[in-house]
């Protein structure tokens, strides 16, 4: 996840926990993504110690055609 419009980002651990520094100002958008899930953007208007995020899984199909 990362703060939109910045280079400040972090990766979550295997349990999905993460720590990220506060943005320079609020409101700020936290962009969350993970392979196999639809990305989401969360707007934070002030500091929050805990954020619960649930991403929606997606299935990507690619059909190969052999000649």
PDB file of N, CA and C in Angstrom:
ATOM      1  N   UNK A   1       0.833  -1.156   0.000  1.00  0.00           N
ATOM      2  CA  UNK A   1       0.000   0.000   0.000  1.00  0.00           C
ATOM      3  C   UNK A   1       0.884   1.227   0.000  1.00  0.00           C
ATOM      4  N   UNK A   2       0.320   2.325  -0.461  1.00  0.00           N
ATOM      5  CA  UNK A   2       1.104   3.556  -0.551  1.00  0.00           C
ATOM      6  C   UNK A   2       0.173   4.758  -0.492  1.00  0.00           C
ATOM      7  N   UNK A   3       0.755   5.886  -0.106  1.00  0.00           N
ATOM      8  CA  UNK A   3       0.012   7.138  -0.131  1.00  0.00           C
ATOM      9  C   UNK A   3      -0.015   7.646  -1.570  1.00  0.00           C
ATOM     10  N   UNK A   4      -1.196   7.844  -2.096  1.00  0.00           N
ATOM     11  CA  UNK A   4      -1.368   8.300  -3.477  1.00  0.00           C
ATOM     12  C   UNK A   4      -0.622   9.609  -3.703  1.00  0.00           C
ATOM     13  N   UNK A   5       0.101   9.686  -4.821  1.00  0.00           N
ATOM     14  CA  UNK A   5       0.830  10.885  -5.172  1.00  0.00           C
ATOM     15  C   UNK A   5       2.176  11.009  -4.491  1.00  0.00           C
ATOM     16  N   UNK A   6       2.614   9.947  -3.801  1.00  0.00           N
ATOM     17  CA  UNK A   6       3.915   9.961  -3.121  1.00  0.00           C
ATOM     18  C   UNK A   6       4.692   8.700  -3.485  1.00  0.00           C
ATOM     19  N   UNK A   7       5.889   8.615  -2.956  1.00  0.00           N
ATOM     20  CA  UNK A   7       6.679   7.387  -3.091  1.00  0.00           C
ATOM     21  C   UNK A   7       6.739   6.659  -1.753  1.00  0.00           C
ATOM     22  N   UNK A   8       5.845   7.022  -0.825  1.00  0.00           N
ATOM     23  CA  UNK A   8       5.809   6.415   0.504  1.00  0.00           C
ATOM     24  C   UNK A   8       4.879   5.215   0.469  1.00  0.00           C
ATOM     25  N   UNK A   9       5.452   4.037   0.675  1.00  0.00           N
ATOM     26  CA  UNK A   9       4.652   2.826   0.653  1.00  0.00           C
ATOM     27  C   UNK A   9       5.287   1.726   1.478  1.00  0.00           C
ATOM     28  N   UNK A  10       4.503   0.712   1.782  1.00  0.00           N
ATOM     29  CA  UNK A  10       4.969  -0.431   2.562  1.00  0.00           C
ATOM     30  C   UNK A  10       4.286  -1.695   2.067  1.00  0.00           C
ATOM     31  N   UNK A  11       4.822  -2.823   2.479  1.00  0.00           N
ATOM     32  CA  UNK A  11       4.197  -4.126   2.208  1.00  0.00           C
ATOM     33  C   UNK A  11       3.660  -4.681   3.522  1.00  0.00           C
ATOM     34  N   UNK A  12       2.588  -5.396   3.451  1.00  0.00           N
ATOM     35  CA  UNK A  12       2.012  -6.031   4.637  1.00  0.00           C
ATOM     36  C   UNK A  12       2.756  -7.324   4.938  1.00  0.00           C
ATOM     37  N   UNK A  13       2.658  -7.777   6.191  1.00  0.00           N
ATOM     38  CA  UNK A  13       3.248  -9.065   6.547  1.00  0.00           C
ATOM     39  C   UNK A  13       2.296 -10.185   6.134  1.00  0.00           C
ATOM     40  N   UNK A  14       2.630 -11.433   6.449  1.00  0.00           N
ATOM     41  CA  UNK A  14       1.828 -12.579   6.005  1.00  0.00           C
ATOM     42  C   UNK A  14       0.417 -12.575   6.593  1.00  0.00           C
ATOM     43  N   UNK A  15       0.216 -11.842   7.688  1.00  0.00           N
ATOM     44  CA  UNK A  15      -1.105 -11.753   8.298  1.00  0.00           C
ATOM     45  C   UNK A  15      -1.872 -10.513   7.836  1.00  0.00           C
ATOM     46  N   UNK A  16      -1.256  -9.713   6.954  1.00  0.00           N
ATOM     47  CA  UNK A  16      -1.910  -8.518   6.444  1.00  0.00           C
ATOM     48  C   UNK A  16      -1.684  -7.280   7.284  1.00  0.00           C
ATOM     49  N   UNK A  17      -0.850  -7.370   8.301  1.00  0.00           N
ATOM     50  CA  UNK A  17      -0.562  -6.216   9.154  1.00  0.00           C
ATOM     51  C   UNK A  17       0.491  -5.330   8.501  1.00  0.00           C
ATOM     52  N   UNK A  18       0.378  -4.021   8.733  1.00  0.00           N
ATOM     53  CA  UNK A  18       1.355  -3.098   8.170  1.00  0.00           C
ATOM     54  C   UNK A  18       1.452  -1.849   9.027  1.00  0.00           C
ATOM     55  N   UNK A  19       2.551  -1.156   8.889  1.00  0.00           N
ATOM     56  CA  UNK A  19       2.744   0.155   9.508  1.00  0.00           C
ATOM     57  C   UNK A  19       3.266   1.084   8.423  1.00  0.00           C
ATOM     58  N   UNK A  20       2.685   2.264   8.347  1.00  0.00           N
ATOM     59  CA  UNK A  20       3.101   3.246   7.348  1.00  0.00           C
ATOM     60  C   UNK A  20       3.161   4.615   8.029  1.00  0.00           C
ATOM     61  N   UNK A  21       4.123   5.424   7.642  1.00  0.00           N
ATOM     62  CA  UNK A  21       4.224   6.745   8.248  1.00  0.00           C
ATOM     63  C   UNK A  21       3.033   7.591   7.835  1.00  0.00           C
ATOM     64  N   UNK A  22       2.728   8.572   8.659  1.00  0.00           N
ATOM     65  CA  UNK A  22       1.605   9.452   8.354  1.00  0.00           C
ATOM     66  C   UNK A  22       1.903  10.296   7.120  1.00  0.00           C
ATOM     67  N   UNK A  23       0.874  10.648   6.368  1.00  0.00           N
ATOM     68  CA  UNK A  23       1.081  11.522   5.214  1.00  0.00           C
ATOM     69  C   UNK A  23       1.410  12.939   5.675  1.00  0.00           C
ATOM     70  N   UNK A  24       1.900  13.738   4.756  1.00  0.00           N
ATOM     71  CA  UNK A  24       2.251  15.127   5.078  1.00  0.00           C
ATOM     72  C   UNK A  24       1.023  15.950   5.461  1.00  0.00           C
ATOM     73  N   UNK A  25      -0.129  15.589   4.917  1.00  0.00           N
ATOM     74  CA  UNK A  25      -1.359  16.328   5.215  1.00  0.00           C
ATOM     75  C   UNK A  25      -2.561  15.418   5.039  1.00  0.00           C
ATOM     76  N   UNK A  26      -3.666  15.833   5.619  1.00  0.00           N
ATOM     77  CA  UNK A  26      -4.953  15.138   5.465  1.00  0.00           C
ATOM     78  C   UNK A  26      -5.909  16.085   4.772  1.00  0.00           C
ATOM     79  N   UNK A  27      -6.885  15.601   4.033  1.00  0.00           N
ATOM     80  CA  UNK A  27      -7.117  14.193   3.735  1.00  0.00           C
ATOM     81  C   UNK A  27      -6.059  13.637   2.777  1.00  0.00           C
ATOM     82  N   UNK A  28      -5.828  12.335   2.880  1.00  0.00           N
ATOM     83  CA  UNK A  28      -4.900  11.633   1.994  1.00  0.00           C
ATOM     84  C   UNK A  28      -5.509  10.295   1.600  1.00  0.00           C
ATOM     85  N   UNK A  29      -5.138   9.833   0.408  1.00  0.00           N
ATOM     86  CA  UNK A  29      -5.654   8.567  -0.107  1.00  0.00           C
ATOM     87  C   UNK A  29      -4.613   7.470   0.062  1.00  0.00           C
ATOM     88  N   UNK A  30      -5.028   6.382   0.711  1.00  0.00           N
ATOM     89  CA  UNK A  30      -4.192   5.208   0.881  1.00  0.00           C
ATOM     90  C   UNK A  30      -4.623   4.195  -0.180  1.00  0.00           C
ATOM     91  N   UNK A  31      -3.708   3.841  -1.070  1.00  0.00           N
ATOM     92  CA  UNK A  31      -4.006   2.885  -2.136  1.00  0.00           C
ATOM     93  C   UNK A  31      -3.541   1.516  -1.669  1.00  0.00           C
ATOM     94  N   UNK A  32      -4.441   0.544  -1.728  1.00  0.00           N
ATOM     95  CA  UNK A  32      -4.161  -0.808  -1.251  1.00  0.00           C
ATOM     96  C   UNK A  32      -4.332  -1.769  -2.411  1.00  0.00           C
ATOM     97  N   UNK A  33      -3.333  -2.637  -2.617  1.00  0.00           N
ATOM     98  CA  UNK A  33      -3.436  -3.620  -3.698  1.00  0.00           C
ATOM     99  C   UNK A  33      -2.713  -4.898  -3.296  1.00  0.00           C
ATOM    100  N   UNK A  34      -3.152  -5.998  -3.906  1.00  0.00           N
ATOM    101  CA  UNK A  34      -2.540  -7.298  -3.693  1.00  0.00           C
ATOM    102  C   UNK A  34      -2.870  -8.157  -4.899  1.00  0.00           C
ATOM    103  N   UNK A  35      -1.924  -8.969  -5.325  1.00  0.00           N
ATOM    104  CA  UNK A  35      -2.124  -9.815  -6.502  1.00  0.00           C
ATOM    105  C   UNK A  35      -3.330 -10.718  -6.285  1.00  0.00           C
ATOM    106  N   UNK A  36      -4.218 -10.736  -7.271  1.00  0.00           N
ATOM    107  CA  UNK A  36      -5.414 -11.565  -7.207  1.00  0.00           C
ATOM    108  C   UNK A  36      -6.606 -10.878  -6.558  1.00  0.00           C
ATOM    109  N   UNK A  37      -6.433  -9.608  -6.188  1.00  0.00           N
ATOM    110  CA  UNK A  37      -7.509  -8.852  -5.551  1.00  0.00           C
ATOM    111  C   UNK A  37      -7.683  -7.507  -6.245  1.00  0.00           C
ATOM    112  N   UNK A  38      -8.899  -6.987  -6.181  1.00  0.00           N
ATOM    113  CA  UNK A  38      -9.183  -5.674  -6.760  1.00  0.00           C
ATOM    114  C   UNK A  38      -8.600  -4.608  -5.845  1.00  0.00           C
ATOM    115  N   UNK A  39      -7.851  -3.676  -6.421  1.00  0.00           N
ATOM    116  CA  UNK A  39      -7.269  -2.582  -5.641  1.00  0.00           C
ATOM    117  C   UNK A  39      -8.362  -1.695  -5.069  1.00  0.00           C
ATOM    118  N   UNK A  40      -8.037  -0.996  -3.993  1.00  0.00           N
ATOM    119  CA  UNK A  40      -8.994  -0.085  -3.371  1.00  0.00           C
ATOM    120  C   UNK A  40      -8.248   1.162  -2.902  1.00  0.00           C
ATOM    121  N   UNK A  41      -8.925   2.278  -2.886  1.00  0.00           N
ATOM    122  CA  UNK A  41      -8.372   3.532  -2.387  1.00  0.00           C
ATOM    123  C   UNK A  41      -9.230   3.996  -1.222  1.00  0.00           C
ATOM    124  N   UNK A  42      -8.564   4.262  -0.092  1.00  0.00           N
ATOM    125  CA  UNK A  42      -9.264   4.671   1.116  1.00  0.00           C
ATOM    126  C   UNK A  42      -8.842   6.098   1.443  1.00  0.00           C
ATOM    127  N   UNK A  43      -9.818   6.989   1.581  1.00  0.00           N
ATOM    128  CA  UNK A  43      -9.525   8.369   1.943  1.00  0.00           C
ATOM    129  C   UNK A  43      -9.551   8.502   3.458  1.00  0.00           C
ATOM    130  N   UNK A  44      -8.426   8.973   4.012  1.00  0.00           N
ATOM    131  CA  UNK A  44      -8.335   9.207   5.453  1.00  0.00           C
ATOM    132  C   UNK A  44      -8.319  10.709   5.707  1.00  0.00           C
ATOM    133  N   UNK A  45      -9.214  11.156   6.572  1.00  0.00           N
ATOM    134  CA  UNK A  45      -9.322  12.573   6.891  1.00  0.00           C
ATOM    135  C   UNK A  45      -8.522  12.967   8.125  1.00  0.00           C
ATOM    136  N   UNK A  46      -8.075  11.980   8.883  1.00  0.00           N
ATOM    137  CA  UNK A  46      -7.275  12.231  10.080  1.00  0.00           C
ATOM    138  C   UNK A  46      -6.558  10.928  10.453  1.00  0.00           C
ATOM    139  N   UNK A  47      -5.666  11.019  11.414  1.00  0.00           N
ATOM    140  CA  UNK A  47      -4.901   9.857  11.871  1.00  0.00           C
ATOM    141  C   UNK A  47      -5.835   8.781  12.414  1.00  0.00           C
ATOM    142  N   UNK A  48      -5.535   7.535  12.061  1.00  0.00           N
ATOM    143  CA  UNK A  48      -6.259   6.385  12.613  1.00  0.00           C
ATOM    144  C   UNK A  48      -5.234   5.324  12.961  1.00  0.00           C
ATOM    145  N   UNK A  49      -5.265   4.846  14.174  1.00  0.00           N
ATOM    146  CA  UNK A  49      -4.312   3.833  14.616  1.00  0.00           C
ATOM    147  C   UNK A  49      -4.573   2.498  13.929  1.00  0.00           C
ATOM    148  N   UNK A  50      -5.831   2.174  13.732  1.00  0.00           N
ATOM    149  CA  UNK A  50      -6.206   0.901  13.123  1.00  0.00           C
ATOM    150  C   UNK A  50      -7.111   1.142  11.921  1.00  0.00           C
ATOM    151  N   UNK A  51      -6.810   0.437  10.837  1.00  0.00           N
ATOM    152  CA  UNK A  51      -7.649   0.490   9.643  1.00  0.00           C
ATOM    153  C   UNK A  51      -7.941  -0.951   9.242  1.00  0.00           C
ATOM    154  N   UNK A  52      -9.207  -1.301   9.127  1.00  0.00           N
ATOM    155  CA  UNK A  52      -9.585  -2.626   8.652  1.00  0.00           C
ATOM    156  C   UNK A  52      -9.918  -2.530   7.171  1.00  0.00           C
ATOM    157  N   UNK A  53      -9.220  -3.318   6.386  1.00  0.00           N
ATOM    158  CA  UNK A  53      -9.372  -3.274   4.937  1.00  0.00           C
ATOM    159  C   UNK A  53      -9.718  -4.676   4.450  1.00  0.00           C
ATOM    160  N   UNK A  54     -10.718  -4.766   3.592  1.00  0.00           N
ATOM    161  CA  UNK A  54     -11.073  -6.051   2.996  1.00  0.00           C
ATOM    162  C   UNK A  54     -11.123  -5.864   1.481  1.00  0.00           C
ATOM    163  N   UNK A  55     -10.235  -6.556   0.777  1.00  0.00           N
ATOM    164  CA  UNK A  55     -10.209  -6.472  -0.677  1.00  0.00           C
ATOM    165  C   UNK A  55     -11.060  -7.597  -1.262  1.00  0.00           C
ATOM    166  N   UNK A  56     -11.578  -7.361  -2.446  1.00  0.00           N
ATOM    167  CA  UNK A  56     -12.392  -8.348  -3.159  1.00  0.00           C
ATOM    168  C   UNK A  56     -11.511  -9.149  -4.102  1.00  0.00           C
ATOM    169  N   UNK A  57     -11.599 -10.476  -3.995  1.00  0.00           N
ATOM    170  CA  UNK A  57     -10.790 -11.314  -4.877  1.00  0.00           C
ATOM    171  C   UNK A  57     -11.347 -11.271  -6.294  1.00  0.00           C
ATOM    172  N   UNK A  58     -10.458 -11.402  -7.264  1.00  0.00           N
ATOM    173  CA  UNK A  58     -10.854 -11.423  -8.666  1.00  0.00           C
ATOM    174  C   UNK A  58     -10.197 -12.623  -9.336  1.00  0.00           C
ATOM    175  N   UNK A  59     -10.859 -13.127 -10.338  1.00  0.00           N
ATOM    176  CA  UNK A  59     -10.318 -14.238 -11.116  1.00  0.00           C
ATOM    177  C   UNK A  59     -10.018 -13.713 -12.507  1.00  0.00           C
ATOM    178  N   UNK A  60      -8.805 -13.917 -12.953  1.00  0.00           N
ATOM    179  CA  UNK A  60      -8.406 -13.481 -14.282  1.00  0.00           C
ATOM    180  C   UNK A  60      -8.220 -14.713 -15.144  1.00  0.00           C
ATOM    181  N   UNK A  61      -8.948 -14.755 -16.232  1.00  0.00           N
ATOM    182  CA  UNK A  61      -8.846 -15.878 -17.161  1.00  0.00           C
ATOM    183  C   UNK A  61      -8.138 -15.421 -18.419  1.00  0.00           C
ATOM    184  N   UNK A  62      -7.255 -16.242 -18.874  1.00  0.00           N
ATOM    185  CA  UNK A  62      -6.604 -15.977 -20.142  1.00  0.00           C
ATOM    186  C   UNK A  62      -6.599 -17.298 -20.914  1.00  0.00           C
ATOM    187  N   UNK A  63      -7.210 -17.275 -22.065  1.00  0.00           N
ATOM    188  CA  UNK A  63      -7.307 -18.488 -22.878  1.00  0.00           C
ATOM    189  C   UNK A  63      -6.263 -18.414 -23.984  1.00  0.00           C
ATOM    190  N   UNK A  64      -5.440 -19.423 -24.020  1.00  0.00           N
ATOM    191  CA  UNK A  64      -4.438 -19.505 -25.078  1.00  0.00           C
ATOM    192  C   UNK A  64      -5.025 -20.275 -26.255  1.00  0.00           C
ATOM    193  N   UNK A  65      -4.793 -19.773 -27.429  1.00  0.00           N
ATOM    194  CA  UNK A  65      -5.232 -20.472 -28.631  1.00  0.00           C
ATOM    195  C   UNK A  65      -4.007 -20.964 -29.370  1.00  0.00           C
ATOM    196  N   UNK A  66      -3.933 -22.247 -29.538  1.00  0.00           N
ATOM    197  CA  UNK A  66      -2.790 -22.845 -30.252  1.00  0.00           C
ATOM    198  C   UNK A  66      -3.199 -23.125 -31.683  1.00  0.00           C
ATOM    199  N   UNK A  67      -2.344 -22.773 -32.593  1.00  0.00           N
ATOM    200  CA  UNK A  67      -2.619 -23.025 -34.023  1.00  0.00           C
ATOM    201  C   UNK A  67      -2.012 -24.337 -34.456  1.00  0.00           C
TER     202      UNK A  67
END
